[in-house]
């Protein structure tokens, strides 16, 4: 399981700084939901380190890029996430 504390550490937000807790939790929930939706089992315990890191990368990406499209910069979900989750997908195309 990936926790809010894990995401805060990954995004370099101090544990005592609660200003972004809701946004970070929403980003984490979206990341885990997305991984579950593409048949990556995020409920295994313990969660393999690669899946935990993929969830952290996605949560950080969602936290930093709040809109689907921006005028000045196009941002793609990091390729590393695909590589990290590939061995754990239950369904491969």
C-alpha atoms as a PDB file:
ATOM      1  CA  UNK A   1       0.000   0.000   0.000  1.00  0.00           C
ATOM      2  CA  UNK A   2       1.177   3.500  -0.803  1.00  0.00           C
ATOM      3  CA  UNK A   3       0.404   6.090   1.867  1.00  0.00           C
ATOM      4  CA  UNK A   4       0.004   9.836   1.900  1.00  0.00           C
ATOM      5  CA  UNK A   5       3.250   9.983   3.864  1.00  0.00           C
ATOM      6  CA  UNK A   6       5.005   8.082   1.062  1.00  0.00           C
ATOM      7  CA  UNK A   7       3.718  10.570  -1.517  1.00  0.00           C
ATOM      8  CA  UNK A   8       4.711  13.548   0.605  1.00  0.00           C
ATOM      9  CA  UNK A   9       8.244  12.191   0.928  1.00  0.00           C
ATOM     10  CA  UNK A  10       8.416  11.445  -2.803  1.00  0.00           C
ATOM     11  CA  UNK A  11       7.221  14.979  -3.659  1.00  0.00           C
ATOM     12  CA  UNK A  12       9.552  16.486  -1.057  1.00  0.00           C
ATOM     13  CA  UNK A  13       6.712  17.921   1.009  1.00  0.00           C
ATOM     14  CA  UNK A  14       7.546  18.139   4.701  1.00  0.00           C
ATOM     15  CA  UNK A  15       5.505  15.742   6.877  1.00  0.00           C
ATOM     16  CA  UNK A  16       4.237  18.608   9.039  1.00  0.00           C
ATOM     17  CA  UNK A  17       3.105  20.635   6.003  1.00  0.00           C
ATOM     18  CA  UNK A  18      -0.563  19.769   5.628  1.00  0.00           C
ATOM     19  CA  UNK A  19      -1.459  22.446   3.055  1.00  0.00           C
ATOM     20  CA  UNK A  20      -1.327  19.971   0.161  1.00  0.00           C
ATOM     21  CA  UNK A  21      -2.593  16.823   1.894  1.00  0.00           C
ATOM     22  CA  UNK A  22      -5.949  16.763   0.094  1.00  0.00           C
ATOM     23  CA  UNK A  23      -4.372  17.380  -3.319  1.00  0.00           C
ATOM     24  CA  UNK A  24      -1.690  14.758  -2.711  1.00  0.00           C
ATOM     25  CA  UNK A  25      -4.237  12.205  -1.493  1.00  0.00           C
ATOM     26  CA  UNK A  26      -6.423  12.866  -4.548  1.00  0.00           C
ATOM     27  CA  UNK A  27      -3.395  12.407  -6.823  1.00  0.00           C
ATOM     28  CA  UNK A  28      -2.510   9.147  -5.048  1.00  0.00           C
ATOM     29  CA  UNK A  29      -6.086   7.871  -5.272  1.00  0.00           C
ATOM     30  CA  UNK A  30      -6.165   8.695  -8.992  1.00  0.00           C
ATOM     31  CA  UNK A  31      -2.815   6.966  -9.566  1.00  0.00           C
ATOM     32  CA  UNK A  32      -3.896   3.778  -7.774  1.00  0.00           C
ATOM     33  CA  UNK A  33      -7.278   3.833  -9.511  1.00  0.00           C
ATOM     34  CA  UNK A  34      -5.591   4.245 -12.884  1.00  0.00           C
ATOM     35  CA  UNK A  35      -3.227   1.341 -12.249  1.00  0.00           C
ATOM     36  CA  UNK A  36      -6.122  -0.848 -11.115  1.00  0.00           C
ATOM     37  CA  UNK A  37      -8.078   0.119 -14.247  1.00  0.00           C
ATOM     38  CA  UNK A  38      -5.303  -1.204 -16.496  1.00  0.00           C
ATOM     39  CA  UNK A  39      -5.197  -4.527 -14.651  1.00  0.00           C
ATOM     40  CA  UNK A  40      -2.267  -3.853 -12.354  1.00  0.00           C
ATOM     41  CA  UNK A  41      -3.086  -5.468  -9.018  1.00  0.00           C
ATOM     42  CA  UNK A  42      -2.457  -2.792  -6.422  1.00  0.00           C
ATOM     43  CA  UNK A  43      -3.977  -4.745  -3.541  1.00  0.00           C
ATOM     44  CA  UNK A  44      -1.207  -7.307  -3.060  1.00  0.00           C
ATOM     45  CA  UNK A  45       0.557  -7.196   0.277  1.00  0.00           C
ATOM     46  CA  UNK A  46       3.368  -6.444   0.330  1.00  0.00           C
ATOM     47  CA  UNK A  47       3.248  -4.263  -2.756  1.00  0.00           C
ATOM     48  CA  UNK A  48       6.300  -4.913  -4.969  1.00  0.00           C
ATOM     49  CA  UNK A  49       8.742  -1.975  -4.913  1.00  0.00           C
ATOM     50  CA  UNK A  50       8.314  -1.370  -8.658  1.00  0.00           C
ATOM     51  CA  UNK A  51       4.543  -0.948  -8.292  1.00  0.00           C
ATOM     52  CA  UNK A  52       4.942   1.328  -5.286  1.00  0.00           C
ATOM     53  CA  UNK A  53       7.377   3.498  -7.219  1.00  0.00           C
ATOM     54  CA  UNK A  54       5.064   3.567 -10.264  1.00  0.00           C
ATOM     55  CA  UNK A  55       2.197   4.773  -8.060  1.00  0.00           C
ATOM     56  CA  UNK A  56       4.459   7.423  -6.534  1.00  0.00           C
ATOM     57  CA  UNK A  57       5.610   8.589  -9.973  1.00  0.00           C
ATOM     58  CA  UNK A  58       2.027   8.853 -11.221  1.00  0.00           C
ATOM     59  CA  UNK A  59       0.828  10.622  -8.079  1.00  0.00           C
ATOM     60  CA  UNK A  60       3.673  13.154  -8.367  1.00  0.00           C
ATOM     61  CA  UNK A  61       2.891  13.648 -12.057  1.00  0.00           C
ATOM     62  CA  UNK A  62      -0.805  14.222 -11.330  1.00  0.00           C
ATOM     63  CA  UNK A  63       0.066  16.594  -8.458  1.00  0.00           C
ATOM     64  CA  UNK A  64       2.420  18.678 -10.584  1.00  0.00           C
ATOM     65  CA  UNK A  65       0.268  18.637 -13.754  1.00  0.00           C
ATOM     66  CA  UNK A  66      -3.234  19.462 -12.618  1.00  0.00           C
ATOM     67  CA  UNK A  67      -4.731  20.028 -16.053  1.00  0.00           C
ATOM     68  CA  UNK A  68      -4.955  17.675 -19.021  1.00  0.00           C
ATOM     69  CA  UNK A  69      -3.567  20.311 -21.387  1.00  0.00           C
ATOM     70  CA  UNK A  70      -1.573  23.454 -20.747  1.00  0.00           C
ATOM     71  CA  UNK A  71      -0.845  26.292 -23.119  1.00  0.00           C
ATOM     72  CA  UNK A  72       2.897  26.417 -22.647  1.00  0.00           C
ATOM     73  CA  UNK A  73       3.945  22.853 -22.019  1.00  0.00           C
ATOM     74  CA  UNK A  74       2.832  19.380 -22.994  1.00  0.00           C
ATOM     75  CA  UNK A  75       3.615  16.751 -20.396  1.00  0.00           C
ATOM     76  CA  UNK A  76       3.386  13.014 -20.876  1.00  0.00           C
ATOM     77  CA  UNK A  77       3.091  10.441 -18.120  1.00  0.00           C
ATOM     78  CA  UNK A  78       6.623   9.202 -17.521  1.00  0.00           C
ATOM     79  CA  UNK A  79       7.646   6.261 -19.695  1.00  0.00           C
ATOM     80  CA  UNK A  80       9.245   4.677 -16.649  1.00  0.00           C
ATOM     81  CA  UNK A  81       5.801   3.919 -15.236  1.00  0.00           C
ATOM     82  CA  UNK A  82       5.015   1.644 -18.187  1.00  0.00           C
ATOM     83  CA  UNK A  83       8.272  -0.209 -17.711  1.00  0.00           C
ATOM     84  CA  UNK A  84       7.767  -0.578 -13.966  1.00  0.00           C
ATOM     85  CA  UNK A  85       4.269  -2.035 -14.238  1.00  0.00           C
ATOM     86  CA  UNK A  86       4.759  -4.271 -17.303  1.00  0.00           C
ATOM     87  CA  UNK A  87       5.707  -7.454 -15.408  1.00  0.00           C
ATOM     88  CA  UNK A  88       2.759  -7.038 -13.028  1.00  0.00           C
ATOM     89  CA  UNK A  89      -0.056  -6.499 -15.517  1.00  0.00           C
ATOM     90  CA  UNK A  90      -2.616  -9.258 -15.399  1.00  0.00           C
ATOM     91  CA  UNK A  91      -3.612  -8.610 -18.987  1.00  0.00           C
ATOM     92  CA  UNK A  92      -1.063  -7.853 -21.689  1.00  0.00           C
ATOM     93  CA  UNK A  93      -1.854  -6.735 -25.228  1.00  0.00           C
END
